[in-house]
């Protein structure tokens, strides 16, 4: 089997490449940086520039499935111009792929699997969301996810199986949110955000990468939540990080207005509450390695 991955050099992409190689799946990848192009037996890079609709169509040669992870980083201050970048980077990359693939008569691509986000679901302390929820968050994140998913749905016009993974808070040792959350706790300055009651639907990056490969190998169609079976509140997550690092928590919770001053509108990443179900992916035969947050954190931080 051979897959084409966009965003293969990012946090999630690097892990998916490892899982693919463990399963003897060859990887083609697209990069906007010519310096990152490598050519190996099972890992071959190709250049693209979605902004200019430029792509090396040789990337599709003998490819069975596409894994799309392309998109500008969310965790960066949301100026009006950067919000436009966040949205357009996701939609344009998919349009570039679709345009190129539509011009190839005899390709082997059967499926596209795209990253998405649980930011689709509205903020709630009480609801427990599964993939059947059609109510979209009215926030900027909800708008981004909706446009992102609509862009990948257009691949059905090419006869492809379309799948999406709505990703939660990804736990990793060097990238993403966890190192930023752990840093103040290491110095004894950690505390929960706001009420601390907001739900954090998290996933270990190892399990997330396995979900992507599982969906491709089993040709699963539709939306799947990329979260662990046991969401925790922000307070519980903060306490679990402190316990893993053997550090005390004694400061009061950080108020919302203060984080809005520091982060601008991006503060909602810390205060939105989405309690999200993993039942659908488990029912498909997927078993989590890290179902509970404490063992997950210990595997990462110790």
Protein backbone atom coordinates (compact mmCIF):
# COMPACT_ATOMS: atom_id res chain seq x y z
CA UNK A 1 0.00 0.00 0.00
CA UNK A 2 1.12 3.56 -0.68
CA UNK A 3 -0.24 6.80 0.79
CA UNK A 4 0.28 10.45 -0.07
CA UNK A 5 0.53 12.70 3.01
CA UNK A 6 0.28 16.48 3.16
CA UNK A 7 1.74 17.97 6.35
CA UNK A 8 3.96 14.92 6.82
CA UNK A 9 6.70 16.90 8.59
CA UNK A 10 4.36 18.33 11.28
CA UNK A 11 3.57 17.00 14.75
CA UNK A 12 0.89 14.49 13.69
CA UNK A 13 2.36 13.84 10.24
CA UNK A 14 5.70 12.61 11.57
CA UNK A 15 3.92 10.08 13.79
CA UNK A 16 1.66 8.90 10.96
CA UNK A 17 4.76 8.32 8.79
CA UNK A 18 6.23 6.13 11.57
CA UNK A 19 3.00 4.10 11.89
CA UNK A 20 2.82 3.69 8.09
CA UNK A 21 6.36 2.35 7.92
CA UNK A 22 5.63 -0.04 10.82
CA UNK A 23 2.78 -1.43 8.68
CA UNK A 24 4.93 -1.59 5.50
CA UNK A 25 2.98 1.26 3.94
CA UNK A 26 5.09 3.42 1.60
CA UNK A 27 4.77 7.19 1.90
CA UNK A 28 4.78 9.95 -0.67
CA UNK A 29 4.61 13.40 0.87
CA UNK A 30 4.06 16.95 -0.33
CA UNK A 31 6.09 19.85 1.04
CA UNK A 32 6.27 23.57 0.33
CA UNK A 33 9.99 23.49 1.18
CA UNK A 34 12.29 22.10 -1.53
CA UNK A 35 14.95 21.53 1.16
CA UNK A 36 12.67 18.95 2.84
CA UNK A 37 12.38 16.77 -0.27
CA UNK A 38 13.94 13.33 0.28
CA UNK A 39 13.94 10.25 -1.90
CA UNK A 40 14.05 6.85 -0.19
CA UNK A 41 12.45 3.50 -1.04
CA UNK A 42 9.49 4.04 1.28
CA UNK A 43 9.56 7.84 1.78
CA UNK A 44 9.55 10.17 -1.20
CA UNK A 45 8.94 13.91 -1.24
CA UNK A 46 7.33 16.15 -3.87
CA UNK A 47 7.04 19.92 -4.10
CA UNK A 48 3.81 21.90 -4.04
CA UNK A 49 2.59 25.43 -3.45
CA UNK A 50 -1.19 25.39 -2.86
CA UNK A 51 -1.35 29.21 -2.84
CA UNK A 52 -0.28 29.20 -6.49
CA UNK A 53 -2.02 25.90 -7.35
CA UNK A 54 1.37 24.33 -8.12
CA UNK A 55 1.84 20.60 -7.47
CA UNK A 56 4.11 17.86 -8.79
CA UNK A 57 1.51 15.40 -10.09
CA UNK A 58 4.06 12.56 -9.87
CA UNK A 59 3.14 12.51 -6.17
CA UNK A 60 -0.02 10.51 -7.06
CA UNK A 61 1.88 7.67 -8.78
CA UNK A 62 0.68 4.28 -7.41
CA UNK A 63 -0.94 6.00 -4.41
CA UNK A 64 -3.95 4.23 -2.87
CA UNK A 65 -5.02 6.88 -0.35
CA UNK A 66 -4.38 10.51 0.57
CA UNK A 67 -3.95 11.72 4.16
CA UNK A 68 -4.45 15.47 4.35
CA UNK A 69 -3.00 17.36 7.33
CA UNK A 70 -2.16 20.64 5.57
CA UNK A 71 -3.05 23.93 7.21
CA UNK A 72 -1.54 26.90 9.03
CA UNK A 73 -0.96 26.54 12.79
CA UNK A 74 -4.03 27.44 14.86
CA UNK A 75 -2.14 28.34 18.05
CA UNK A 76 -0.87 31.71 16.88
CA UNK A 77 -2.41 35.12 17.59
CA UNK A 78 -5.60 35.52 15.54
CA UNK A 79 -5.18 38.81 13.73
CA UNK A 80 -7.71 39.33 10.95
CA UNK A 81 -5.03 38.58 8.34
CA UNK A 82 -3.90 35.42 10.16
CA UNK A 83 -7.49 34.19 10.54
CA UNK A 84 -7.72 34.44 6.75
CA UNK A 85 -4.48 32.42 6.48
CA UNK A 86 -5.84 29.70 8.82
CA UNK A 87 -8.99 29.30 6.73
CA UNK A 88 -7.50 29.63 3.24
CA UNK A 89 -4.54 27.34 3.93
CA UNK A 90 -6.93 24.47 4.64
CA UNK A 91 -9.33 25.04 1.77
CA UNK A 92 -6.73 25.91 -0.87
CA UNK A 93 -4.60 22.84 -0.14
CA UNK A 94 -7.59 20.57 -0.70
CA UNK A 95 -8.63 22.42 -3.86
CA UNK A 96 -5.08 22.12 -5.20
CA UNK A 97 -5.10 18.35 -4.58
CA UNK A 98 -8.54 17.93 -6.16
CA UNK A 99 -7.69 19.98 -9.25
CA UNK A 100 -4.50 18.00 -9.85
CA UNK A 101 -6.10 14.60 -9.26
CA UNK A 102 -9.06 15.39 -11.54
CA UNK A 103 -6.63 15.80 -14.45
CA UNK A 104 -5.15 12.29 -14.05
CA UNK A 105 -7.17 9.65 -15.87
CA UNK A 106 -5.67 6.43 -14.51
CA UNK A 107 -4.82 7.08 -10.87
CA UNK A 108 -5.15 4.46 -8.11
CA UNK A 109 -6.44 6.77 -5.36
CA UNK A 110 -9.54 5.30 -3.69
CA UNK A 111 -9.78 7.34 -0.48
CA UNK A 112 -8.97 10.71 1.07
CA UNK A 113 -8.72 11.06 4.84
CA UNK A 114 -8.50 14.62 6.13
CA UNK A 115 -7.74 16.08 9.52
CA UNK A 116 -10.51 18.15 11.07
CA UNK A 117 -11.11 19.37 14.62
CA UNK A 118 -13.53 19.01 17.55
CA UNK A 119 -13.82 22.82 17.35
CA UNK A 120 -16.79 21.93 15.12
CA UNK A 121 -18.85 21.16 18.25
CA UNK A 122 -20.47 24.01 20.23
CA UNK A 123 -19.10 24.99 23.64
CA UNK A 124 -20.95 23.05 26.38
CA UNK A 125 -20.25 21.83 29.92
CA UNK A 126 -23.09 19.28 29.81
CA UNK A 127 -23.43 17.85 26.29
CA UNK A 128 -21.58 14.69 25.21
CA UNK A 129 -20.92 14.99 21.49
CA UNK A 130 -20.69 12.19 18.95
CA UNK A 131 -20.29 12.35 15.18
CA UNK A 132 -24.06 12.53 14.58
CA UNK A 133 -24.16 16.08 15.98
CA UNK A 134 -24.96 18.48 13.15
CA UNK A 135 -25.05 21.68 15.19
CA UNK A 136 -21.93 23.69 14.41
CA UNK A 137 -20.09 26.01 16.81
CA UNK A 138 -20.74 29.68 15.96
CA UNK A 139 -17.09 30.55 16.70
CA UNK A 140 -14.29 31.17 14.22
CA UNK A 141 -13.09 27.61 14.83
CA UNK A 142 -16.53 26.28 13.91
CA UNK A 143 -16.40 28.31 10.70
CA UNK A 144 -12.93 26.95 9.85
CA UNK A 145 -13.88 23.33 10.46
CA UNK A 146 -17.08 23.64 8.44
CA UNK A 147 -15.23 25.08 5.41
CA UNK A 148 -12.46 22.48 5.83
CA UNK A 149 -14.89 19.55 5.84
CA UNK A 150 -16.91 20.91 2.91
CA UNK A 151 -13.70 21.17 0.87
CA UNK A 152 -12.79 17.52 1.48
CA UNK A 153 -16.38 16.37 0.82
CA UNK A 154 -15.94 17.62 -2.76
CA UNK A 155 -13.65 14.66 -3.45
CA UNK A 156 -16.77 12.49 -3.71
CA UNK A 157 -17.14 14.12 -7.16
CA UNK A 158 -14.00 12.17 -8.17
CA UNK A 159 -15.44 8.92 -6.84
CA UNK A 160 -13.24 8.83 -3.75
CA UNK A 161 -14.19 7.51 -0.34
CA UNK A 162 -14.11 10.54 2.01
CA UNK A 163 -13.15 10.31 5.70
CA UNK A 164 -12.45 12.92 8.38
CA UNK A 165 -10.88 12.81 11.85
CA UNK A 166 -12.02 15.53 14.25
CA UNK A 167 -8.94 15.91 16.40
CA UNK A 168 -8.97 16.90 20.08
CA UNK A 169 -6.14 18.15 22.30
CA UNK A 170 -3.06 16.25 21.10
CA UNK A 171 -0.59 15.23 23.82
CA UNK A 172 3.04 15.09 22.70
CA UNK A 173 6.36 15.59 24.49
CA UNK A 174 7.85 18.35 22.35
CA UNK A 175 5.10 20.01 20.29
CA UNK A 176 1.51 21.14 20.67
CA UNK A 177 -0.24 22.35 23.82
CA UNK A 178 1.21 20.02 26.48
CA UNK A 179 4.76 21.49 26.68
CA UNK A 180 3.19 24.97 27.02
CA UNK A 181 0.87 23.75 29.80
CA UNK A 182 3.67 21.91 31.58
CA UNK A 183 6.17 24.80 31.51
CA UNK A 184 4.59 27.00 34.24
CA UNK A 185 3.78 23.91 36.33
CA UNK A 186 7.47 22.92 36.29
CA UNK A 187 8.26 26.30 37.87
CA UNK A 188 5.48 25.98 40.44
CA UNK A 189 3.31 28.56 38.66
CA UNK A 190 0.64 26.32 37.17
CA UNK A 191 -3.10 26.71 37.57
CA UNK A 192 -6.33 25.87 35.78
CA UNK A 193 -8.06 28.26 33.36
CA UNK A 194 -11.31 30.01 34.25
CA UNK A 195 -13.66 27.76 36.21
CA UNK A 196 -11.53 24.75 35.28
CA UNK A 197 -14.77 22.87 34.59
CA UNK A 198 -14.43 23.01 30.80
CA UNK A 199 -13.96 19.61 29.18
CA UNK A 200 -10.71 18.74 27.41
CA UNK A 201 -11.10 15.88 24.96
CA UNK A 202 -7.49 14.80 24.60
CA UNK A 203 -5.56 12.10 22.73
CA UNK A 204 -2.01 10.78 22.86
CA UNK A 205 -0.27 11.49 19.52
CA UNK A 206 0.62 7.77 19.24
CA UNK A 207 -3.06 6.74 19.32
CA UNK A 208 -4.04 9.54 16.95
CA UNK A 209 -1.51 8.39 14.35
CA UNK A 210 -2.81 4.82 14.74
CA UNK A 211 -6.39 6.01 14.12
CA UNK A 212 -5.37 7.53 10.77
CA UNK A 213 -3.70 4.30 9.65
CA UNK A 214 -6.63 2.21 10.95
CA UNK A 215 -9.12 4.24 8.88
CA UNK A 216 -7.00 3.94 5.73
CA UNK A 217 -6.33 0.21 6.11
CA UNK A 218 -10.01 -0.57 6.74
CA UNK A 219 -11.35 1.93 4.17
CA UNK A 220 -13.65 3.49 6.75
CA UNK A 221 -15.86 6.30 5.47
CA UNK A 222 -17.31 9.37 7.19
CA UNK A 223 -16.46 11.37 10.32
CA UNK A 224 -14.56 9.94 13.30
CA UNK A 225 -13.61 11.73 16.50
CA UNK A 226 -9.88 11.60 17.22
CA UNK A 227 -10.12 11.67 21.02
CA UNK A 228 -9.45 9.23 23.86
CA UNK A 229 -12.36 7.42 25.59
CA UNK A 230 -11.99 9.46 28.80
CA UNK A 231 -12.14 13.27 28.50
CA UNK A 232 -11.10 15.28 31.57
CA UNK A 233 -11.84 18.77 32.84
CA UNK A 234 -9.18 21.46 32.61
CA UNK A 235 -8.70 21.23 36.39
CA UNK A 236 -8.25 17.45 36.21
CA UNK A 237 -5.73 17.79 33.37
CA UNK A 238 -3.78 20.49 35.21
CA UNK A 239 -3.67 18.36 38.38
CA UNK A 240 -2.60 15.28 36.40
CA UNK A 241 0.29 17.19 34.79
CA UNK A 242 1.37 18.51 38.21
CA UNK A 243 1.20 15.00 39.70
CA UNK A 244 3.28 13.56 36.85
CA UNK A 245 5.89 16.29 37.31
CA UNK A 246 5.66 16.02 41.12
CA UNK A 247 4.94 19.74 41.45
CA UNK A 248 2.47 21.56 43.73
CA UNK A 249 -0.50 23.62 42.55
CA UNK A 250 -1.33 26.51 44.86
CA UNK A 251 -2.14 29.52 42.64
CA UNK A 252 -5.75 30.61 41.94
CA UNK A 253 -7.30 29.80 38.57
CA UNK A 254 -6.36 32.15 35.71
CA UNK A 255 -9.34 34.35 34.81
CA UNK A 256 -10.72 34.48 31.28
CA UNK A 257 -10.30 38.25 30.86
CA UNK A 258 -6.57 38.01 31.62
CA UNK A 259 -5.99 35.34 28.97
CA UNK A 260 -8.02 37.34 26.46
CA UNK A 261 -5.70 40.30 27.11
CA UNK A 262 -2.65 38.08 26.54
CA UNK A 263 -3.88 35.92 23.65
CA UNK A 264 -6.66 37.93 22.01
CA UNK A 265 -9.53 35.91 20.50
CA UNK A 266 -7.35 32.79 20.50
CA UNK A 267 -8.08 32.50 24.24
CA UNK A 268 -11.11 30.34 23.40
CA UNK A 269 -8.71 27.45 22.71
CA UNK A 270 -8.23 27.27 26.49
CA UNK A 271 -11.79 28.02 27.61
CA UNK A 272 -14.08 26.23 25.13
CA UNK A 273 -15.59 23.01 26.48
CA UNK A 274 -16.21 20.02 24.22
CA UNK A 275 -16.81 16.61 25.76
CA UNK A 276 -16.48 14.29 22.80
CA UNK A 277 -17.14 10.56 22.35
CA UNK A 278 -14.69 8.02 20.89
CA UNK A 279 -17.30 5.23 20.65
CA UNK A 280 -17.57 5.22 16.85
CA UNK A 281 -13.87 4.56 16.22
CA UNK A 282 -13.81 1.95 19.01
CA UNK A 283 -16.84 0.20 17.47
CA UNK A 284 -14.85 -0.08 14.23
CA UNK A 285 -12.33 -2.30 16.04
CA UNK A 286 -9.80 0.28 17.22
CA UNK A 287 -8.20 -0.25 20.65
CA UNK A 288 -6.60 2.67 22.45
CA UNK A 289 -3.15 2.28 23.98
CA UNK A 290 -3.76 5.34 26.18
CA UNK A 291 -7.36 5.50 27.40
CA UNK A 292 -6.67 7.46 30.60
CA UNK A 293 -4.81 10.72 30.96
CA UNK A 294 -2.44 9.83 33.83
CA UNK A 295 -0.68 6.91 32.03
CA UNK A 296 -0.59 9.01 28.86
CA UNK A 297 1.13 11.89 30.66
CA UNK A 298 3.56 9.55 32.40
CA UNK A 299 4.54 8.05 29.05
CA UNK A 300 5.21 11.53 27.69
CA UNK A 301 6.60 13.58 30.58
CA UNK A 302 8.67 11.01 32.53
